[in-house]
């Protein structure tokens, strides 16, 4: 089961990009996410990962390979870790779940909010 703590651990563990997109475990992605119609576009200006199970108008449909931090397998999901989001692809169906990291308010913002309460 993927919990909030697991998600935070993924962000911390994979906070930097790999040396090259060649270091990513792409075969794992093709093996485990067969329901998602994964393709690699090498013909465009930037090499991109295309996830066919995500709507083409979504910003998560086409991801530049140079922006992917890691590909991590779980029992039921495969995670594609980016800087501020994680795309979870289900291994058994075309289900997709996306976690978008939000910034927590700074100390100064929390103090201002505390004194603005009515």
PDB file of N, CA and C in Angstrom:
ATOM      1  N   UNK A   1       0.840  -1.176   0.000  1.00  0.00           N
ATOM      2  CA  UNK A   1       0.000   0.000   0.000  1.00  0.00           C
ATOM      3  C   UNK A   1       0.889   1.245   0.000  1.00  0.00           C
ATOM      4  N   UNK A   2       0.505   2.197  -0.797  1.00  0.00           N
ATOM      5  CA  UNK A   2       1.292   3.417  -0.898  1.00  0.00           C
ATOM      6  C   UNK A   2       0.666   4.472   0.013  1.00  0.00           C
ATOM      7  N   UNK A   3       1.416   4.843   1.021  1.00  0.00           N
ATOM      8  CA  UNK A   3       0.939   5.810   2.014  1.00  0.00           C
ATOM      9  C   UNK A   3       1.612   7.160   1.795  1.00  0.00           C
ATOM     10  N   UNK A   4       1.163   8.124   2.553  1.00  0.00           N
ATOM     11  CA  UNK A   4       1.760   9.464   2.487  1.00  0.00           C
ATOM     12  C   UNK A   4       3.246   9.408   2.849  1.00  0.00           C
ATOM     13  N   UNK A   5       3.586   8.558   3.811  1.00  0.00           N
ATOM     14  CA  UNK A   5       4.986   8.428   4.223  1.00  0.00           C
ATOM     15  C   UNK A   5       5.834   7.840   3.087  1.00  0.00           C
ATOM     16  N   UNK A   6       5.287   6.863   2.366  1.00  0.00           N
ATOM     17  CA  UNK A   6       6.002   6.277   1.224  1.00  0.00           C
ATOM     18  C   UNK A   6       6.221   7.341   0.154  1.00  0.00           C
ATOM     19  N   UNK A   7       5.220   8.154  -0.099  1.00  0.00           N
ATOM     20  CA  UNK A   7       5.338   9.217  -1.102  1.00  0.00           C
ATOM     21  C   UNK A   7       6.419  10.210  -0.692  1.00  0.00           C
ATOM     22  N   UNK A   8       6.426  10.619   0.567  1.00  0.00           N
ATOM     23  CA  UNK A   8       7.452  11.556   1.037  1.00  0.00           C
ATOM     24  C   UNK A   8       8.848  10.938   0.925  1.00  0.00           C
ATOM     25  N   UNK A   9       8.951   9.647   1.204  1.00  0.00           N
ATOM     26  CA  UNK A   9      10.233   8.949   1.074  1.00  0.00           C
ATOM     27  C   UNK A   9      10.703   8.939  -0.370  1.00  0.00           C
ATOM     28  N   UNK A  10       9.790   8.737  -1.306  1.00  0.00           N
ATOM     29  CA  UNK A  10      10.159   8.764  -2.730  1.00  0.00           C
ATOM     30  C   UNK A  10      10.718  10.131  -3.128  1.00  0.00           C
ATOM     31  N   UNK A  11      10.051  11.196  -2.689  1.00  0.00           N
ATOM     32  CA  UNK A  11      10.539  12.541  -3.008  1.00  0.00           C
ATOM     33  C   UNK A  11      11.931  12.781  -2.418  1.00  0.00           C
ATOM     34  N   UNK A  12      12.153  12.335  -1.192  1.00  0.00           N
ATOM     35  CA  UNK A  12      13.455  12.536  -0.545  1.00  0.00           C
ATOM     36  C   UNK A  12      14.545  11.682  -1.183  1.00  0.00           C
ATOM     37  N   UNK A  13      14.228  10.422  -1.434  1.00  0.00           N
ATOM     38  CA  UNK A  13      15.239   9.507  -1.969  1.00  0.00           C
ATOM     39  C   UNK A  13      15.646   9.866  -3.392  1.00  0.00           C
ATOM     40  N   UNK A  14      14.701  10.327  -4.189  1.00  0.00           N
ATOM     41  CA  UNK A  14      14.970  10.635  -5.592  1.00  0.00           C
ATOM     42  C   UNK A  14      14.837  12.128  -5.861  1.00  0.00           C
ATOM     43  N   UNK A  15      15.461  12.935  -5.004  1.00  0.00           N
ATOM     44  CA  UNK A  15      15.346  14.380  -5.164  1.00  0.00           C
ATOM     45  C   UNK A  15      16.214  14.932  -6.299  1.00  0.00           C
ATOM     46  N   UNK A  16      17.170  14.154  -6.765  1.00  0.00           N
ATOM     47  CA  UNK A  16      17.996  14.634  -7.873  1.00  0.00           C
ATOM     48  C   UNK A  16      17.819  13.721  -9.088  1.00  0.00           C
ATOM     49  N   UNK A  17      18.137  14.280 -10.231  1.00  0.00           N
ATOM     50  CA  UNK A  17      18.028  13.534 -11.486  1.00  0.00           C
ATOM     51  C   UNK A  17      19.167  12.526 -11.606  1.00  0.00           C
ATOM     52  N   UNK A  18      18.936  11.436 -12.333  1.00  0.00           N
ATOM     53  CA  UNK A  18      20.047  10.508 -12.574  1.00  0.00           C
ATOM     54  C   UNK A  18      21.067  11.154 -13.507  1.00  0.00           C
ATOM     55  N   UNK A  19      22.234  10.543 -13.603  1.00  0.00           N
ATOM     56  CA  UNK A  19      23.283  11.093 -14.467  1.00  0.00           C
ATOM     57  C   UNK A  19      22.810  11.254 -15.905  1.00  0.00           C
ATOM     58  N   UNK A  20      21.982  10.312 -16.337  1.00  0.00           N
ATOM     59  CA  UNK A  20      21.462  10.336 -17.697  1.00  0.00           C
ATOM     60  C   UNK A  20      20.152   9.561 -17.725  1.00  0.00           C
ATOM     61  N   UNK A  21      19.273   9.855 -18.681  1.00  0.00           N
ATOM     62  CA  UNK A  21      18.039   9.063 -18.794  1.00  0.00           C
ATOM     63  C   UNK A  21      18.314   7.583 -19.059  1.00  0.00           C
ATOM     64  N   UNK A  22      19.500   7.261 -19.546  1.00  0.00           N
ATOM     65  CA  UNK A  22      19.859   5.860 -19.772  1.00  0.00           C
ATOM     66  C   UNK A  22      19.947   5.068 -18.464  1.00  0.00           C
ATOM     67  N   UNK A  23      20.106   5.767 -17.339  1.00  0.00           N
ATOM     68  CA  UNK A  23      20.200   5.105 -16.038  1.00  0.00           C
ATOM     69  C   UNK A  23      18.836   4.689 -15.492  1.00  0.00           C
ATOM     70  N   UNK A  24      17.764   5.164 -16.118  1.00  0.00           N
ATOM     71  CA  UNK A  24      16.413   4.794 -15.669  1.00  0.00           C
ATOM     72  C   UNK A  24      16.105   3.361 -16.064  1.00  0.00           C
ATOM     73  N   UNK A  25      15.293   2.702 -15.272  1.00  0.00           N
ATOM     74  CA  UNK A  25      14.937   1.307 -15.520  1.00  0.00           C
ATOM     75  C   UNK A  25      13.731   1.236 -16.466  1.00  0.00           C
ATOM     76  N   UNK A  26      13.943   1.604 -17.721  1.00  0.00           N
ATOM     77  CA  UNK A  26      12.873   1.611 -18.719  1.00  0.00           C
ATOM     78  C   UNK A  26      12.300   0.217 -18.986  1.00  0.00           C
ATOM     79  N   UNK A  27      13.126  -0.837 -19.038  1.00  0.00           N
ATOM     80  CA  UNK A  27      12.534  -2.171 -19.254  1.00  0.00           C
ATOM     81  C   UNK A  27      11.495  -2.524 -18.191  1.00  0.00           C
ATOM     82  N   UNK A  28      11.724  -2.122 -16.946  1.00  0.00           N
ATOM     83  CA  UNK A  28      10.763  -2.366 -15.879  1.00  0.00           C
ATOM     84  C   UNK A  28       9.433  -1.694 -16.202  1.00  0.00           C
ATOM     85  N   UNK A  29       9.502  -0.492 -16.708  1.00  0.00           N
ATOM     86  CA  UNK A  29       8.291   0.241 -17.038  1.00  0.00           C
ATOM     87  C   UNK A  29       7.505  -0.468 -18.141  1.00  0.00           C
ATOM     88  N   UNK A  30       8.193  -0.936 -19.159  1.00  0.00           N
ATOM     89  CA  UNK A  30       7.515  -1.628 -20.257  1.00  0.00           C
ATOM     90  C   UNK A  30       6.964  -2.987 -19.820  1.00  0.00           C
ATOM     91  N   UNK A  31       7.640  -3.663 -18.912  1.00  0.00           N
ATOM     92  CA  UNK A  31       7.180  -4.969 -18.419  1.00  0.00           C
ATOM     93  C   UNK A  31       5.979  -4.842 -17.495  1.00  0.00           C
ATOM     94  N   UNK A  32       6.014  -3.873 -16.618  1.00  0.00           N
ATOM     95  CA  UNK A  32       5.013  -3.781 -15.558  1.00  0.00           C
ATOM     96  C   UNK A  32       3.791  -2.939 -15.915  1.00  0.00           C
ATOM     97  N   UNK A  33       3.909  -2.064 -16.876  1.00  0.00           N
ATOM     98  CA  UNK A  33       2.804  -1.153 -17.193  1.00  0.00           C
ATOM     99  C   UNK A  33       2.261  -1.423 -18.591  1.00  0.00           C
ATOM    100  N   UNK A  34       1.997  -2.682 -18.899  1.00  0.00           N
ATOM    101  CA  UNK A  34       1.564  -3.057 -20.249  1.00  0.00           C
ATOM    102  C   UNK A  34       0.196  -2.476 -20.605  1.00  0.00           C
ATOM    103  N   UNK A  35      -0.648  -2.189 -19.640  1.00  0.00           N
ATOM    104  CA  UNK A  35      -1.991  -1.666 -19.905  1.00  0.00           C
ATOM    105  C   UNK A  35      -1.984  -0.175 -20.239  1.00  0.00           C
ATOM    106  N   UNK A  36      -0.837   0.454 -20.156  1.00  0.00           N
ATOM    107  CA  UNK A  36      -0.778   1.914 -20.289  1.00  0.00           C
ATOM    108  C   UNK A  36      -0.260   2.401 -21.641  1.00  0.00           C
ATOM    109  N   UNK A  37       0.043   1.509 -22.543  1.00  0.00           N
ATOM    110  CA  UNK A  37       0.509   1.872 -23.892  1.00  0.00           C
ATOM    111  C   UNK A  37       1.663   2.883 -23.833  1.00  0.00           C
ATOM    112  N   UNK A  38       2.738   2.469 -23.182  1.00  0.00           N
ATOM    113  CA  UNK A  38       3.921   3.306 -23.015  1.00  0.00           C
ATOM    114  C   UNK A  38       4.724   3.341 -24.319  1.00  0.00           C
ATOM    115  N   UNK A  39       5.145   4.529 -24.714  1.00  0.00           N
ATOM    116  CA  UNK A  39       6.008   4.705 -25.882  1.00  0.00           C
ATOM    117  C   UNK A  39       7.110   5.698 -25.548  1.00  0.00           C
ATOM    118  N   UNK A  40       8.206   5.587 -26.255  1.00  0.00           N
ATOM    119  CA  UNK A  40       9.288   6.564 -26.156  1.00  0.00           C
ATOM    120  C   UNK A  40       9.358   7.291 -27.497  1.00  0.00           C
ATOM    121  N   UNK A  41       9.249   8.605 -27.459  1.00  0.00           N
ATOM    122  CA  UNK A  41       9.331   9.420 -28.675  1.00  0.00           C
ATOM    123  C   UNK A  41      10.734   9.995 -28.770  1.00  0.00           C
ATOM    124  N   UNK A  42      11.508   9.472 -29.711  1.00  0.00           N
ATOM    125  CA  UNK A  42      12.885   9.934 -29.906  1.00  0.00           C
ATOM    126  C   UNK A  42      12.981  10.889 -31.097  1.00  0.00           C
ATOM    127  N   UNK A  43      11.854  11.170 -31.771  1.00  0.00           N
ATOM    128  CA  UNK A  43      11.878  11.985 -32.981  1.00  0.00           C
ATOM    129  C   UNK A  43      11.669  13.464 -32.721  1.00  0.00           C
ATOM    130  N   UNK A  44      11.139  13.817 -31.580  1.00  0.00           N
ATOM    131  CA  UNK A  44      10.864  15.221 -31.285  1.00  0.00           C
ATOM    132  C   UNK A  44      12.116  15.960 -30.867  1.00  0.00           C
ATOM    133  N   UNK A  45      11.942  17.235 -30.539  1.00  0.00           N
ATOM    134  CA  UNK A  45      13.100  18.028 -30.096  1.00  0.00           C
ATOM    135  C   UNK A  45      13.674  17.528 -28.779  1.00  0.00           C
ATOM    136  N   UNK A  46      12.833  16.871 -27.979  1.00  0.00           N
ATOM    137  CA  UNK A  46      13.252  16.313 -26.691  1.00  0.00           C
ATOM    138  C   UNK A  46      12.740  14.877 -26.621  1.00  0.00           C
ATOM    139  N   UNK A  47      13.590  13.948 -26.196  1.00  0.00           N
ATOM    140  CA  UNK A  47      13.143  12.566 -26.020  1.00  0.00           C
ATOM    141  C   UNK A  47      12.099  12.531 -24.901  1.00  0.00           C
ATOM    142  N   UNK A  48      10.956  11.899 -25.186  1.00  0.00           N
ATOM    143  CA  UNK A  48       9.844  11.933 -24.242  1.00  0.00           C
ATOM    144  C   UNK A  48       9.259  10.551 -24.008  1.00  0.00           C
ATOM    145  N   UNK A  49       8.712  10.384 -22.805  1.00  0.00           N
ATOM    146  CA  UNK A  49       7.940   9.198 -22.453  1.00  0.00           C
ATOM    147  C   UNK A  49       6.476   9.567 -22.665  1.00  0.00           C
ATOM    148  N   UNK A  50       5.768   8.749 -23.446  1.00  0.00           N
ATOM    149  CA  UNK A  50       4.356   9.001 -23.707  1.00  0.00           C
ATOM    150  C   UNK A  50       3.551   7.902 -23.023  1.00  0.00           C
ATOM    151  N   UNK A  51       2.597   8.306 -22.199  1.00  0.00           N
ATOM    152  CA  UNK A  51       1.745   7.359 -21.480  1.00  0.00           C
ATOM    153  C   UNK A  51       0.373   7.402 -22.142  1.00  0.00           C
ATOM    154  N   UNK A  52       0.048   6.350 -22.890  1.00  0.00           N
ATOM    155  CA  UNK A  52      -1.179   6.307 -23.665  1.00  0.00           C
ATOM    156  C   UNK A  52      -2.450   6.260 -22.842  1.00  0.00           C
ATOM    157  N   UNK A  53      -2.386   5.811 -21.604  1.00  0.00           N
ATOM    158  CA  UNK A  53      -3.584   5.720 -20.769  1.00  0.00           C
ATOM    159  C   UNK A  53      -3.949   7.054 -20.120  1.00  0.00           C
ATOM    160  N   UNK A  54      -3.138   8.072 -20.347  1.00  0.00           N
ATOM    161  CA  UNK A  54      -3.425   9.409 -19.818  1.00  0.00           C
ATOM    162  C   UNK A  54      -3.891  10.277 -20.988  1.00  0.00           C
ATOM    163  N   UNK A  55      -4.916  11.063 -20.751  1.00  0.00           N
ATOM    164  CA  UNK A  55      -5.502  11.935 -21.769  1.00  0.00           C
ATOM    165  C   UNK A  55      -4.418  12.800 -22.423  1.00  0.00           C
ATOM    166  N   UNK A  56      -4.402  12.884 -23.765  1.00  0.00           N
ATOM    167  CA  UNK A  56      -3.373  13.664 -24.462  1.00  0.00           C
ATOM    168  C   UNK A  56      -3.324  15.149 -24.087  1.00  0.00           C
ATOM    169  N   UNK A  57      -4.384  15.711 -23.541  1.00  0.00           N
ATOM    170  CA  UNK A  57      -4.343  17.115 -23.136  1.00  0.00           C
ATOM    171  C   UNK A  57      -3.735  17.306 -21.746  1.00  0.00           C
ATOM    172  N   UNK A  58      -3.525  16.221 -21.025  1.00  0.00           N
ATOM    173  CA  UNK A  58      -2.940  16.286 -19.688  1.00  0.00           C
ATOM    174  C   UNK A  58      -1.440  16.575 -19.782  1.00  0.00           C
ATOM    175  N   UNK A  59      -0.908  17.357 -18.849  1.00  0.00           N
ATOM    176  CA  UNK A  59       0.540  17.592 -18.847  1.00  0.00           C
ATOM    177  C   UNK A  59       1.348  16.335 -18.497  1.00  0.00           C
ATOM    178  N   UNK A  60       0.673  15.288 -18.025  1.00  0.00           N
ATOM    179  CA  UNK A  60       1.356  14.050 -17.659  1.00  0.00           C
ATOM    180  C   UNK A  60       1.326  13.006 -18.776  1.00  0.00           C
ATOM    181  N   UNK A  61       0.750  13.350 -19.919  1.00  0.00           N
ATOM    182  CA  UNK A  61       0.700  12.423 -21.053  1.00  0.00           C
ATOM    183  C   UNK A  61       2.083  12.264 -21.696  1.00  0.00           C
ATOM    184  N   UNK A  62       2.803  13.355 -21.876  1.00  0.00           N
ATOM    185  CA  UNK A  62       4.128  13.361 -22.497  1.00  0.00           C
ATOM    186  C   UNK A  62       5.111  13.993 -21.505  1.00  0.00           C
ATOM    187  N   UNK A  63       6.100  13.200 -21.091  1.00  0.00           N
ATOM    188  CA  UNK A  63       7.073  13.663 -20.099  1.00  0.00           C
ATOM    189  C   UNK A  63       8.469  13.588 -20.696  1.00  0.00           C
ATOM    190  N   UNK A  64       9.211  14.690 -20.697  1.00  0.00           N
ATOM    191  CA  UNK A  64      10.597  14.628 -21.171  1.00  0.00           C
ATOM    192  C   UNK A  64      11.410  13.646 -20.310  1.00  0.00           C
ATOM    193  N   UNK A  65      12.161  12.776 -20.941  1.00  0.00           N
ATOM    194  CA  UNK A  65      12.958  11.784 -20.202  1.00  0.00           C
ATOM    195  C   UNK A  65      13.937  12.452 -19.246  1.00  0.00           C
ATOM    196  N   UNK A  66      14.419  13.610 -19.617  1.00  0.00           N
ATOM    197  CA  UNK A  66      15.397  14.302 -18.774  1.00  0.00           C
ATOM    198  C   UNK A  66      14.783  14.851 -17.488  1.00  0.00           C
ATOM    199  N   UNK A  67      13.473  14.805 -17.343  1.00  0.00           N
ATOM    200  CA  UNK A  67      12.792  15.285 -16.130  1.00  0.00           C
ATOM    201  C   UNK A  67      12.420  14.154 -15.174  1.00  0.00           C
ATOM    202  N   UNK A  68      12.612  12.906 -15.585  1.00  0.00           N
ATOM    203  CA  UNK A  68      12.250  11.766 -14.742  1.00  0.00           C
ATOM    204  C   UNK A  68      13.386  11.455 -13.772  1.00  0.00           C
ATOM    205  N   UNK A  69      13.062  11.433 -12.497  1.00  0.00           N
ATOM    206  CA  UNK A  69      14.059  11.163 -11.463  1.00  0.00           C
ATOM    207  C   UNK A  69      14.257   9.665 -11.237  1.00  0.00           C
ATOM    208  N   UNK A  70      13.169   8.893 -11.302  1.00  0.00           N
ATOM    209  CA  UNK A  70      13.282   7.451 -11.059  1.00  0.00           C
ATOM    210  C   UNK A  70      12.017   6.736 -11.509  1.00  0.00           C
ATOM    211  N   UNK A  71      12.174   5.435 -11.717  1.00  0.00           N
ATOM    212  CA  UNK A  71      11.053   4.530 -11.962  1.00  0.00           C
ATOM    213  C   UNK A  71      11.145   3.468 -10.873  1.00  0.00           C
ATOM    214  N   UNK A  72      10.109   3.397 -10.034  1.00  0.00           N
ATOM    215  CA  UNK A  72      10.160   2.558  -8.841  1.00  0.00           C
ATOM    216  C   UNK A  72       8.995   1.559  -8.850  1.00  0.00           C
ATOM    217  N   UNK A  73       9.283   0.265  -8.740  1.00  0.00           N
ATOM    218  CA  UNK A  73       8.205  -0.725  -8.711  1.00  0.00           C
ATOM    219  C   UNK A  73       7.638  -0.924  -7.309  1.00  0.00           C
ATOM    220  N   UNK A  74       6.342  -1.171  -7.269  1.00  0.00           N
ATOM    221  CA  UNK A  74       5.654  -1.578  -6.058  1.00  0.00           C
ATOM    222  C   UNK A  74       4.860  -2.826  -6.402  1.00  0.00           C
ATOM    223  N   UNK A  75       4.228  -3.420  -5.418  1.00  0.00           N
ATOM    224  CA  UNK A  75       3.495  -4.665  -5.652  1.00  0.00           C
ATOM    225  C   UNK A  75       2.390  -4.484  -6.692  1.00  0.00           C
ATOM    226  N   UNK A  76       1.614  -3.410  -6.573  1.00  0.00           N
ATOM    227  CA  UNK A  76       0.485  -3.205  -7.472  1.00  0.00           C
ATOM    228  C   UNK A  76       0.686  -2.027  -8.424  1.00  0.00           C
ATOM    229  N   UNK A  77       1.682  -1.199  -8.181  1.00  0.00           N
ATOM    230  CA  UNK A  77       1.886   0.021  -8.954  1.00  0.00           C
ATOM    231  C   UNK A  77       3.335   0.143  -9.408  1.00  0.00           C
ATOM    232  N   UNK A  78       3.537   0.995 -10.400  1.00  0.00           N
ATOM    233  CA  UNK A  78       4.873   1.423 -10.811  1.00  0.00           C
ATOM    234  C   UNK A  78       4.856   2.942 -10.710  1.00  0.00           C
ATOM    235  N   UNK A  79       5.836   3.509 -10.020  1.00  0.00           N
ATOM    236  CA  UNK A  79       5.881   4.950  -9.811  1.00  0.00           C
ATOM    237  C   UNK A  79       6.908   5.588 -10.740  1.00  0.00           C
ATOM    238  N   UNK A  80       6.502   6.670 -11.362  1.00  0.00           N
ATOM    239  CA  UNK A  80       7.414   7.503 -12.149  1.00  0.00           C
ATOM    240  C   UNK A  80       7.592   8.777 -11.332  1.00  0.00           C
ATOM    241  N   UNK A  81       8.780   8.945 -10.772  1.00  0.00           N
ATOM    242  CA  UNK A  81       9.040  10.054  -9.858  1.00  0.00           C
ATOM    243  C   UNK A  81       9.602  11.240 -10.637  1.00  0.00           C
ATOM    244  N   UNK A  82       8.941  12.381 -10.485  1.00  0.00           N
ATOM    245  CA  UNK A  82       9.391  13.654 -11.059  1.00  0.00           C
ATOM    246  C   UNK A  82       9.725  14.590  -9.902  1.00  0.00           C
ATOM    247  N   UNK A  83      10.157  15.789 -10.198  1.00  0.00           N
ATOM    248  CA  UNK A  83      10.545  16.722  -9.143  1.00  0.00           C
ATOM    249  C   UNK A  83       9.386  17.049  -8.202  1.00  0.00           C
ATOM    250  N   UNK A  84       8.231  17.395  -8.747  1.00  0.00           N
ATOM    251  CA  UNK A  84       7.113  17.840  -7.927  1.00  0.00           C
ATOM    252  C   UNK A  84       5.867  16.977  -8.066  1.00  0.00           C
ATOM    253  N   UNK A  85       6.011  15.815  -8.657  1.00  0.00           N
ATOM    254  CA  UNK A  85       4.856  14.921  -8.792  1.00  0.00           C
ATOM    255  C   UNK A  85       5.323  13.483  -8.986  1.00  0.00           C
ATOM    256  N   UNK A  86       4.404  12.581  -8.724  1.00  0.00           N
ATOM    257  CA  UNK A  86       4.663  11.159  -8.937  1.00  0.00           C
ATOM    258  C   UNK A  86       3.466  10.591  -9.688  1.00  0.00           C
ATOM    259  N   UNK A  87       3.742   9.878 -10.758  1.00  0.00           N
ATOM    260  CA  UNK A  87       2.702   9.220 -11.533  1.00  0.00           C
ATOM    261  C   UNK A  87       2.725   7.747 -11.153  1.00  0.00           C
ATOM    262  N   UNK A  88       1.602   7.242 -10.672  1.00  0.00           N
ATOM    263  CA  UNK A  88       1.481   5.838 -10.317  1.00  0.00           C
ATOM    264  C   UNK A  88       0.666   5.134 -11.400  1.00  0.00           C
ATOM    265  N   UNK A  89       1.266   4.124 -12.024  1.00  0.00           N
ATOM    266  CA  UNK A  89       0.594   3.332 -13.050  1.00  0.00           C
ATOM    267  C   UNK A  89       0.288   1.959 -12.470  1.00  0.00           C
ATOM    268  N   UNK A  90      -0.970   1.554 -12.546  1.00  0.00           N
ATOM    269  CA  UNK A  90      -1.379   0.267 -12.007  1.00  0.00           C
ATOM    270  C   UNK A  90      -0.860  -0.848 -12.901  1.00  0.00           C
ATOM    271  N   UNK A  91      -0.374  -1.917 -12.298  1.00  0.00           N
ATOM    272  CA  UNK A  91       0.181  -3.047 -13.063  1.00  0.00           C
ATOM    273  C   UNK A  91      -0.898  -3.928 -13.679  1.00  0.00           C
ATOM    274  N   UNK A  92      -2.106  -3.935 -13.098  1.00  0.00           N
ATOM    275  CA  UNK A  92      -3.139  -4.872 -13.527  1.00  0.00           C
ATOM    276  C   UNK A  92      -4.238  -4.244 -14.370  1.00  0.00           C
ATOM    277  N   UNK A  93      -4.261  -2.930 -14.449  1.00  0.00           N
ATOM    278  CA  UNK A  93      -5.288  -2.245 -15.227  1.00  0.00           C
ATOM    279  C   UNK A  93      -4.717  -0.929 -15.746  1.00  0.00           C
ATOM    280  N   UNK A  94      -5.543  -0.165 -16.426  1.00  0.00           N
ATOM    281  CA  UNK A  94      -5.101   1.117 -16.981  1.00  0.00           C
ATOM    282  C   UNK A  94      -5.323   2.271 -15.997  1.00  0.00           C
ATOM    283  N   UNK A  95      -5.497   1.954 -14.710  1.00  0.00           N
ATOM    284  CA  UNK A  95      -5.689   3.000 -13.704  1.00  0.00           C
ATOM    285  C   UNK A  95      -4.404   3.798 -13.508  1.00  0.00           C
ATOM    286  N   UNK A  96      -4.587   5.096 -13.353  1.00  0.00           N
ATOM    287  CA  UNK A  96      -3.469   6.008 -13.127  1.00  0.00           C
ATOM    288  C   UNK A  96      -3.817   6.871 -11.917  1.00  0.00           C
ATOM    289  N   UNK A  97      -2.841   7.097 -11.065  1.00  0.00           N
ATOM    290  CA  UNK A  97      -3.012   7.994  -9.928  1.00  0.00           C
ATOM    291  C   UNK A  97      -1.817   8.941  -9.925  1.00  0.00           C
ATOM    292  N   UNK A  98      -2.092  10.202  -9.720  1.00  0.00           N
ATOM    293  CA  UNK A  98      -1.018  11.200  -9.757  1.00  0.00           C
ATOM    294  C   UNK A  98      -0.995  11.954  -8.436  1.00  0.00           C
ATOM    295  N   UNK A  99       0.185  12.030  -7.835  1.00  0.00           N
ATOM    296  CA  UNK A  99       0.366  12.824  -6.629  1.00  0.00           C
ATOM    297  C   UNK A  99       1.137  14.080  -7.020  1.00  0.00           C
ATOM    298  N   UNK A 100       0.589  15.233  -6.671  1.00  0.00           N
ATOM    299  CA  UNK A 100       1.266  16.506  -6.942  1.00  0.00           C
ATOM    300  C   UNK A 100       1.691  17.084  -5.600  1.00  0.00           C
ATOM    301  N   UNK A 101       2.983  17.337  -5.483  1.00  0.00           N
ATOM    302  CA  UNK A 101       3.513  17.860  -4.220  1.00  0.00           C
ATOM    303  C   UNK A 101       3.152  19.332  -4.097  1.00  0.00           C
ATOM    304  N   UNK A 102       2.646  19.702  -2.954  1.00  0.00           N
ATOM    305  CA  UNK A 102       2.328  21.096  -2.683  1.00  0.00           C
ATOM    306  C   UNK A 102       3.341  21.636  -1.683  1.00  0.00           C
ATOM    307  N   UNK A 103       3.636  22.895  -1.822  1.00  0.00           N
ATOM    308  CA  UNK A 103       4.572  23.512  -0.887  1.00  0.00           C
ATOM    309  C   UNK A 103       3.853  23.839   0.403  1.00  0.00           C
ATOM    310  N   UNK A 104       4.496  23.541   1.495  1.00  0.00           N
ATOM    311  CA  UNK A 104       3.928  23.906   2.789  1.00  0.00           C
ATOM    312  C   UNK A 104       4.196  25.383   3.028  1.00  0.00           C
ATOM    313  N   UNK A 105       3.286  26.070   3.718  1.00  0.00           N
ATOM    314  CA  UNK A 105       3.505  27.498   3.965  1.00  0.00           C
ATOM    315  C   UNK A 105       4.753  27.721   4.828  1.00  0.00           C
ATOM    316  N   UNK A 106       5.436  28.797   4.535  1.00  0.00           N
ATOM    317  CA  UNK A 106       6.634  29.123   5.312  1.00  0.00           C
ATOM    318  C   UNK A 106       6.233  29.584   6.707  1.00  0.00           C
ATOM    319  N   UNK A 107       7.203  29.679   7.570  1.00  0.00           N
ATOM    320  CA  UNK A 107       6.953  30.133   8.936  1.00  0.00           C
ATOM    321  C   UNK A 107       6.329  31.520   8.911  1.00  0.00           C
ATOM    322  N   UNK A 108       6.851  32.398   8.085  1.00  0.00           N
ATOM    323  CA  UNK A 108       6.336  33.755   7.982  1.00  0.00           C
ATOM    324  C   UNK A 108       4.876  33.751   7.518  1.00  0.00           C
ATOM    325  N   UNK A 109       4.526  32.929   6.530  1.00  0.00           N
ATOM    326  CA  UNK A 109       3.147  32.838   6.048  1.00  0.00           C
ATOM    327  C   UNK A 109       2.213  32.306   7.126  1.00  0.00           C
ATOM    328  N   UNK A 110       2.672  31.343   7.920  1.00  0.00           N
ATOM    329  CA  UNK A 110       1.850  30.812   9.005  1.00  0.00           C
ATOM    330  C   UNK A 110       1.611  31.863  10.082  1.00  0.00           C
ATOM    331  N   UNK A 111       2.631  32.665  10.393  1.00  0.00           N
ATOM    332  CA  UNK A 111       2.481  33.731  11.397  1.00  0.00           C
ATOM    333  C   UNK A 111       1.479  34.763  10.900  1.00  0.00           C
ATOM    334  N   UNK A 112       1.600  35.175   9.630  1.00  0.00           N
ATOM    335  CA  UNK A 112       0.655  36.146   9.071  1.00  0.00           C
ATOM    336  C   UNK A 112      -0.762  35.600   9.105  1.00  0.00           C
ATOM    337  N   UNK A 113      -0.922  34.341   8.750  1.00  0.00           N
ATOM    338  CA  UNK A 113      -2.250  33.735   8.758  1.00  0.00           C
ATOM    339  C   UNK A 113      -2.819  33.674  10.183  1.00  0.00           C
ATOM    340  N   UNK A 114      -1.970  33.391  11.141  1.00  0.00           N
ATOM    341  CA  UNK A 114      -2.413  33.306  12.549  1.00  0.00           C
ATOM    342  C   UNK A 114      -2.989  34.629  13.008  1.00  0.00           C
ATOM    343  N   UNK A 115      -2.356  35.755  12.659  1.00  0.00           N
ATOM    344  CA  UNK A 115      -2.814  37.065  13.116  1.00  0.00           C
ATOM    345  C   UNK A 115      -3.954  37.626  12.272  1.00  0.00           C
ATOM    346  N   UNK A 116      -4.228  37.055  11.122  1.00  0.00           N
ATOM    347  CA  UNK A 116      -5.319  37.532  10.263  1.00  0.00           C
ATOM    348  C   UNK A 116      -6.653  36.866  10.603  1.00  0.00           C
ATOM    349  N   UNK A 117      -6.630  35.876  11.434  1.00  0.00           N
ATOM    350  CA  UNK A 117      -7.883  35.180  11.770  1.00  0.00           C
ATOM    351  C   UNK A 117      -8.884  36.141  12.407  1.00  0.00           C
ATOM    352  N   UNK A 118     -10.130  35.940  12.079  1.00  0.00           N
ATOM    353  CA  UNK A 118     -11.202  36.785  12.660  1.00  0.00           C
ATOM    354  C   UNK A 118     -11.934  36.052  13.731  1.00  0.00           C
TER     355      UNK A 118
END
